[in-house]
Amino acid sequence: MAWEAAVRLSFFFGVFGAVAMWELAAPRRALTTPKAARWLSNLGLVALNTLLLRLIFPAAAVGLAFTVQDRAWGLLNNVDLPFWIETLGAVVFLDMAIYFQHVLFHAAPSLWRLHRMHHADLDYDVTTGARFHPIEIILSMLIKFGVVTAIGASPGSVLIFEVLLNATAMFNHGNIRIPERVDAVLRLFVVTPDMHRVHHSVEPREANSNFGFNLPWWDRLFGTYLPQPAKGHLGMVIGIKEFRGPRDNRLDRMLIQPFVSPGSGYAINR
């Protein structure tokens, strides 16, 4: 499985570097907190999560897909479809599953306690796209295992999905300026930064919209799409009301966030 890790790391560093340079060349918003400290914490979390996943799930989702394929588990391994339809169907279904998983992590108070660390970032840039609590990352991997097994996703389709999800998460969390007309066309096919940034608003109604990471269709289909924030992208406040101190975004404080404050009170919980 060394090739799988190499492919994913190559795309990660390539897309990360491209979006980071785009942020320098054409930023959408002025940052409100020191970038160096945020990046140290956010990227430290990325390193920790990567290590944990490799220790707990050495073969990852692609490795499971090989087992699923060998044993003919799941729907797609028991129907006769052209390769490209099978691959496309698996990628689209996996993306829909991630959408519903995201909604679930907002809806269940115990899961929101984990997920809110992603939202507690006081700024919004490429590193925010990989800022997730380790427990959420582990639960997300288990959910992904279940979906891969149920639909019988092939190793190739899982790898394509993983690379796309990782790349688009960094893209749509980028602090990058895209002309409005271009954005209007792009968001018909992919979640754009302006579309997903609404989801990181401090206002509950806005934070409970635009759950998609990759494909933008699920929010429109299931009624969670919100085109723009009420105060505009330059006027909206990013983050969580409970965690706005400079110490709250240190790595050690980020790791204990789920255990220091109740998870109730968020709009979707009611």
Protein backbone atom coordinates (compact mmCIF):
# COMPACT_ATOMS: atom_id res chain seq x y z
CA MET A 1 0.00 0.00 0.00
CA ALA A 2 3.03 2.30 -0.18
CA TRP A 3 1.83 3.65 -3.55
CA GLU A 4 -1.51 4.72 -2.04
CA ALA A 5 0.21 6.84 0.60
CA ALA A 6 2.56 8.29 -2.01
CA VAL A 7 -0.33 9.31 -4.29
CA ARG A 8 -2.27 10.93 -1.46
CA LEU A 9 0.76 12.78 -0.07
CA SER A 10 1.72 14.04 -3.52
CA PHE A 11 -1.74 15.49 -4.12
CA PHE A 12 -1.89 16.88 -0.57
CA PHE A 13 1.35 18.82 -0.83
CA GLY A 14 0.64 19.88 -4.41
CA VAL A 15 -2.84 21.27 -3.70
CA PHE A 16 -1.80 22.70 -0.32
CA GLY A 17 1.08 24.60 -1.93
CA ALA A 18 -1.09 25.88 -4.80
CA VAL A 19 -3.88 27.13 -2.51
CA ALA A 20 -1.40 28.66 -0.04
CA MET A 21 0.25 30.65 -2.85
CA TRP A 22 -3.18 31.68 -4.19
CA GLU A 23 -4.04 32.98 -0.70
CA LEU A 24 -0.93 35.16 -0.76
CA ALA A 25 -1.62 36.45 -4.26
CA ALA A 26 -5.39 37.07 -3.97
CA PRO A 27 -6.74 36.84 -0.38
CA ARG A 28 -10.52 37.05 0.10
CA ARG A 29 -10.45 38.36 3.68
CA ALA A 30 -7.89 39.92 5.99
CA LEU A 31 -6.78 37.47 8.70
CA THR A 32 -7.69 38.43 12.27
CA THR A 33 -5.16 36.28 14.17
CA PRO A 34 -1.41 35.58 13.75
CA LYS A 35 -0.98 33.15 10.88
CA ALA A 36 2.16 31.44 12.21
CA ALA A 37 0.53 30.38 15.48
CA ARG A 38 -2.63 29.11 13.72
CA TRP A 39 -0.67 27.15 11.15
CA LEU A 40 1.53 25.60 13.81
CA SER A 41 -1.54 24.32 15.68
CA ASN A 42 -3.55 23.29 12.61
CA LEU A 43 -0.69 21.52 10.87
CA GLY A 44 0.39 19.93 14.13
CA LEU A 45 -3.09 18.45 14.30
CA VAL A 46 -2.72 17.16 10.71
CA ALA A 47 0.53 15.39 11.64
CA LEU A 48 -1.05 13.87 14.77
CA ASN A 49 -4.12 12.65 12.87
CA THR A 50 -2.02 11.15 10.09
CA LEU A 51 0.09 9.23 12.61
CA LEU A 52 -2.96 7.98 14.52
CA LEU A 53 -4.73 6.78 11.38
CA ARG A 54 -1.67 4.89 10.19
CA LEU A 55 -1.27 3.26 13.59
CA ILE A 56 -4.95 2.32 14.04
CA PHE A 57 -5.88 1.62 10.39
CA PRO A 58 -2.64 0.67 8.59
CA ALA A 59 -4.41 -0.31 5.36
CA ALA A 60 -6.88 2.61 5.41
CA ALA A 61 -10.04 2.67 3.26
CA VAL A 62 -8.23 1.66 0.07
CA GLY A 63 -6.87 -1.44 1.79
CA LEU A 64 -10.36 -2.38 2.96
CA ALA A 65 -11.62 -1.93 -0.61
CA PHE A 66 -9.19 -4.63 -1.80
CA THR A 67 -10.68 -7.05 0.76
CA VAL A 68 -14.22 -6.05 -0.21
CA GLN A 69 -13.40 -6.64 -3.87
CA ASP A 70 -11.70 -10.00 -3.24
CA ARG A 71 -14.67 -11.28 -1.23
CA ALA A 72 -17.33 -9.77 -3.51
CA TRP A 73 -18.98 -7.83 -0.69
CA GLY A 74 -21.37 -4.99 -1.33
CA LEU A 75 -23.79 -3.92 -4.05
CA LEU A 76 -21.37 -2.98 -6.83
CA ASN A 77 -19.54 -6.30 -6.60
CA ASN A 78 -22.77 -8.14 -7.33
CA VAL A 79 -24.09 -6.21 -10.32
CA ASP A 80 -22.69 -6.07 -13.84
CA LEU A 81 -21.90 -2.45 -14.70
CA PRO A 82 -19.32 -0.81 -16.98
CA PHE A 83 -16.16 0.10 -15.10
CA TRP A 84 -16.60 3.84 -15.49
CA ILE A 85 -20.21 3.80 -14.24
CA GLU A 86 -19.21 1.67 -11.26
CA THR A 87 -16.33 4.02 -10.40
CA LEU A 88 -18.37 7.19 -10.87
CA GLY A 89 -21.28 5.76 -8.88
CA ALA A 90 -19.02 4.81 -5.98
CA VAL A 91 -17.39 8.26 -5.87
CA VAL A 92 -20.75 10.06 -5.95
CA PHE A 93 -22.29 7.78 -3.31
CA LEU A 94 -19.28 8.18 -1.01
CA ASP A 95 -19.56 11.95 -1.37
CA MET A 96 -23.26 11.85 -0.45
CA ALA A 97 -22.39 9.75 2.59
CA ILE A 98 -19.86 12.38 3.71
CA TYR A 99 -22.56 15.06 3.34
CA PHE A 100 -24.92 13.14 5.64
CA GLN A 101 -22.08 12.42 8.05
CA HIS A 102 -21.37 16.14 8.23
CA VAL A 103 -25.03 16.91 8.96
CA LEU A 104 -25.01 14.22 11.67
CA PHE A 105 -21.97 15.79 13.35
CA HIS A 106 -23.93 19.03 13.60
CA ALA A 107 -27.17 17.38 14.72
CA ALA A 108 -26.01 15.10 17.56
CA PRO A 109 -24.72 17.06 20.58
CA SER A 110 -22.05 14.49 21.43
CA LEU A 111 -20.73 14.58 17.86
CA TRP A 112 -21.00 18.36 17.65
CA ARG A 113 -18.67 18.63 20.66
CA LEU A 114 -16.04 16.93 18.50
CA HIS A 115 -16.79 18.71 15.24
CA ARG A 116 -17.00 22.24 16.66
CA MET A 117 -13.20 22.30 16.97
CA HIS A 118 -13.15 22.52 13.16
CA HIS A 119 -15.46 25.54 13.38
CA ALA A 120 -13.62 27.20 16.28
CA ASP A 121 -10.84 28.43 13.99
CA LEU A 122 -11.04 32.25 14.13
CA ASP A 123 -9.85 32.55 10.54
CA TYR A 124 -10.53 30.56 7.41
CA ASP A 125 -7.75 29.33 5.17
CA VAL A 126 -6.23 26.22 3.61
CA THR A 127 -5.20 24.77 6.99
CA THR A 128 -8.80 24.95 8.29
CA GLY A 129 -9.71 22.27 5.74
CA ALA A 130 -7.63 19.69 7.60
CA ARG A 131 -8.38 20.83 11.16
CA PHE A 132 -10.41 18.01 12.73
CA HIS A 133 -10.31 16.44 16.17
CA PRO A 134 -8.57 13.03 16.24
CA ILE A 135 -11.67 11.30 17.63
CA GLU A 136 -13.77 12.73 14.79
CA ILE A 137 -11.18 11.53 12.28
CA ILE A 138 -11.34 7.99 13.71
CA LEU A 139 -15.16 7.95 13.72
CA SER A 140 -15.19 9.30 10.18
CA MET A 141 -12.89 6.51 9.04
CA LEU A 142 -15.15 3.88 10.63
CA ILE A 143 -18.18 5.36 8.86
CA LYS A 144 -16.24 5.35 5.59
CA PHE A 145 -15.36 1.68 6.15
CA GLY A 146 -19.04 0.87 6.54
CA VAL A 147 -20.00 2.71 3.34
CA VAL A 148 -17.16 1.16 1.31
CA THR A 149 -18.22 -2.31 2.46
CA ALA A 150 -21.94 -1.73 1.87
CA ILE A 151 -21.62 -0.41 -1.68
CA GLY A 152 -18.66 -2.60 -2.66
CA ALA A 153 -16.48 0.30 -3.77
CA SER A 154 -13.38 -0.66 -5.75
CA PRO A 155 -9.90 0.35 -4.54
CA GLY A 156 -9.51 2.72 -7.48
CA SER A 157 -12.78 4.53 -6.79
CA VAL A 158 -11.94 4.87 -3.08
CA LEU A 159 -8.54 6.34 -3.91
CA ILE A 160 -10.09 8.77 -6.41
CA PHE A 161 -12.66 9.81 -3.81
CA GLU A 162 -10.04 10.27 -1.07
CA VAL A 163 -7.83 12.41 -3.31
CA LEU A 164 -10.78 14.51 -4.53
CA LEU A 165 -12.17 15.02 -1.03
CA ASN A 166 -8.79 16.03 0.35
CA ALA A 167 -8.09 18.39 -2.55
CA THR A 168 -11.50 20.06 -2.58
CA ALA A 169 -11.50 20.46 1.22
CA MET A 170 -8.29 22.49 0.96
CA PHE A 171 -9.62 24.41 -2.05
CA ASN A 172 -12.98 25.34 -0.57
CA HIS A 173 -11.41 26.35 2.74
CA GLY A 174 -8.96 28.60 0.92
CA ASN A 175 -8.87 32.30 1.72
CA ILE A 176 -8.91 32.99 -1.99
CA ARG A 177 -10.73 35.54 -4.12
CA ILE A 178 -12.65 34.25 -7.12
CA PRO A 179 -14.66 36.62 -9.37
CA GLU A 180 -18.38 36.36 -8.62
CA ARG A 181 -19.32 35.31 -12.15
CA VAL A 182 -16.70 32.55 -12.13
CA ASP A 183 -17.81 31.42 -8.67
CA ALA A 184 -21.45 31.25 -9.80
CA VAL A 185 -20.49 28.79 -12.54
CA LEU A 186 -17.99 26.81 -10.44
CA ARG A 187 -20.44 26.17 -7.62
CA LEU A 188 -22.68 24.28 -10.02
CA PHE A 189 -20.00 21.57 -10.13
CA VAL A 190 -17.83 21.90 -7.01
CA VAL A 191 -18.10 23.51 -3.57
CA THR A 192 -16.31 26.86 -3.81
CA PRO A 193 -14.64 28.83 -0.99
CA ASP A 194 -17.41 31.45 -0.98
CA MET A 195 -20.05 28.72 -0.79
CA HIS A 196 -18.45 26.80 2.08
CA ARG A 197 -17.25 29.86 4.01
CA VAL A 198 -20.90 30.58 4.88
CA HIS A 199 -20.86 27.32 6.84
CA HIS A 200 -18.12 28.72 9.11
CA SER A 201 -20.13 31.75 10.17
CA VAL A 202 -20.60 32.36 13.88
CA GLU A 203 -24.35 32.69 13.18
CA PRO A 204 -26.11 29.32 13.74
CA ARG A 205 -28.47 29.61 10.76
CA GLU A 206 -25.54 30.15 8.42
CA ALA A 207 -23.34 27.53 10.09
CA ASN A 208 -26.12 24.98 9.56
CA SER A 209 -26.02 25.36 5.80
CA ASN A 210 -23.70 24.36 2.93
CA PHE A 211 -22.51 21.06 4.42
CA GLY A 212 -20.97 19.76 1.19
CA PHE A 213 -17.19 19.37 0.87
CA ASN A 214 -16.82 18.24 -2.72
CA LEU A 215 -20.01 18.05 -4.80
CA PRO A 216 -22.40 21.00 -4.28
CA TRP A 217 -25.60 19.23 -5.25
CA TRP A 218 -26.55 17.69 -1.91
CA ASP A 219 -27.19 21.02 -0.20
CA ARG A 220 -29.56 22.09 -2.96
CA LEU A 221 -31.24 18.70 -3.09
CA PHE A 222 -31.79 18.41 0.68
CA GLY A 223 -32.59 22.05 1.43
CA THR A 224 -29.42 23.15 3.23
CA TYR A 225 -28.09 25.53 0.58
CA LEU A 226 -27.53 29.20 1.48
CA PRO A 227 -26.00 31.31 -1.31
CA GLN A 228 -24.44 34.12 0.74
CA PRO A 229 -23.98 35.23 4.38
CA ALA A 230 -26.26 38.02 5.60
CA LYS A 231 -23.38 40.43 6.29
CA GLY A 232 -21.38 39.47 3.20
CA HIS A 233 -18.08 37.62 3.16
CA LEU A 234 -16.10 40.59 4.42
CA GLY A 235 -18.54 41.38 7.22
CA MET A 236 -19.29 37.87 8.51
CA VAL A 237 -17.62 36.64 11.70
CA ILE A 238 -15.85 33.28 11.54
CA GLY A 239 -15.75 30.78 14.41
CA ILE A 240 -17.65 29.67 17.51
CA LYS A 241 -18.96 32.08 20.15
CA GLU A 242 -17.67 29.99 23.06
CA PHE A 243 -14.05 29.79 21.87
CA ARG A 244 -12.69 33.19 20.91
CA GLY A 245 -9.67 33.59 23.19
CA PRO A 246 -6.10 33.48 21.80
CA ARG A 247 -5.34 30.36 23.87
CA ASP A 248 -8.35 28.44 22.53
CA ASN A 249 -6.55 27.72 19.27
CA ARG A 250 -3.40 26.27 20.78
CA LEU A 251 -2.99 22.60 19.94
CA ASP A 252 -3.31 21.41 23.52
CA ARG A 253 -6.50 23.42 24.07
CA MET A 254 -7.93 22.25 20.76
CA LEU A 255 -7.54 18.62 21.80
CA ILE A 256 -9.50 19.10 25.04
CA GLN A 257 -12.20 21.35 23.54
CA PRO A 258 -14.81 18.55 23.30
CA PHE A 259 -14.58 17.99 27.06
CA VAL A 260 -14.61 21.54 28.45
CA SER A 261 -18.01 22.93 27.42
CA PRO A 262 -21.50 21.51 26.80
CA GLY A 263 -22.39 20.52 23.27
CA SER A 264 -26.00 21.74 23.48
CA GLY A 265 -27.38 25.09 22.45
CA TYR A 266 -26.47 24.86 18.79
CA ALA A 267 -29.38 25.63 16.46
CA ILE A 268 -29.63 22.29 14.69
CA ASN A 269 -29.73 20.48 18.07
CA ARG A 270 -33.06 22.13 18.83
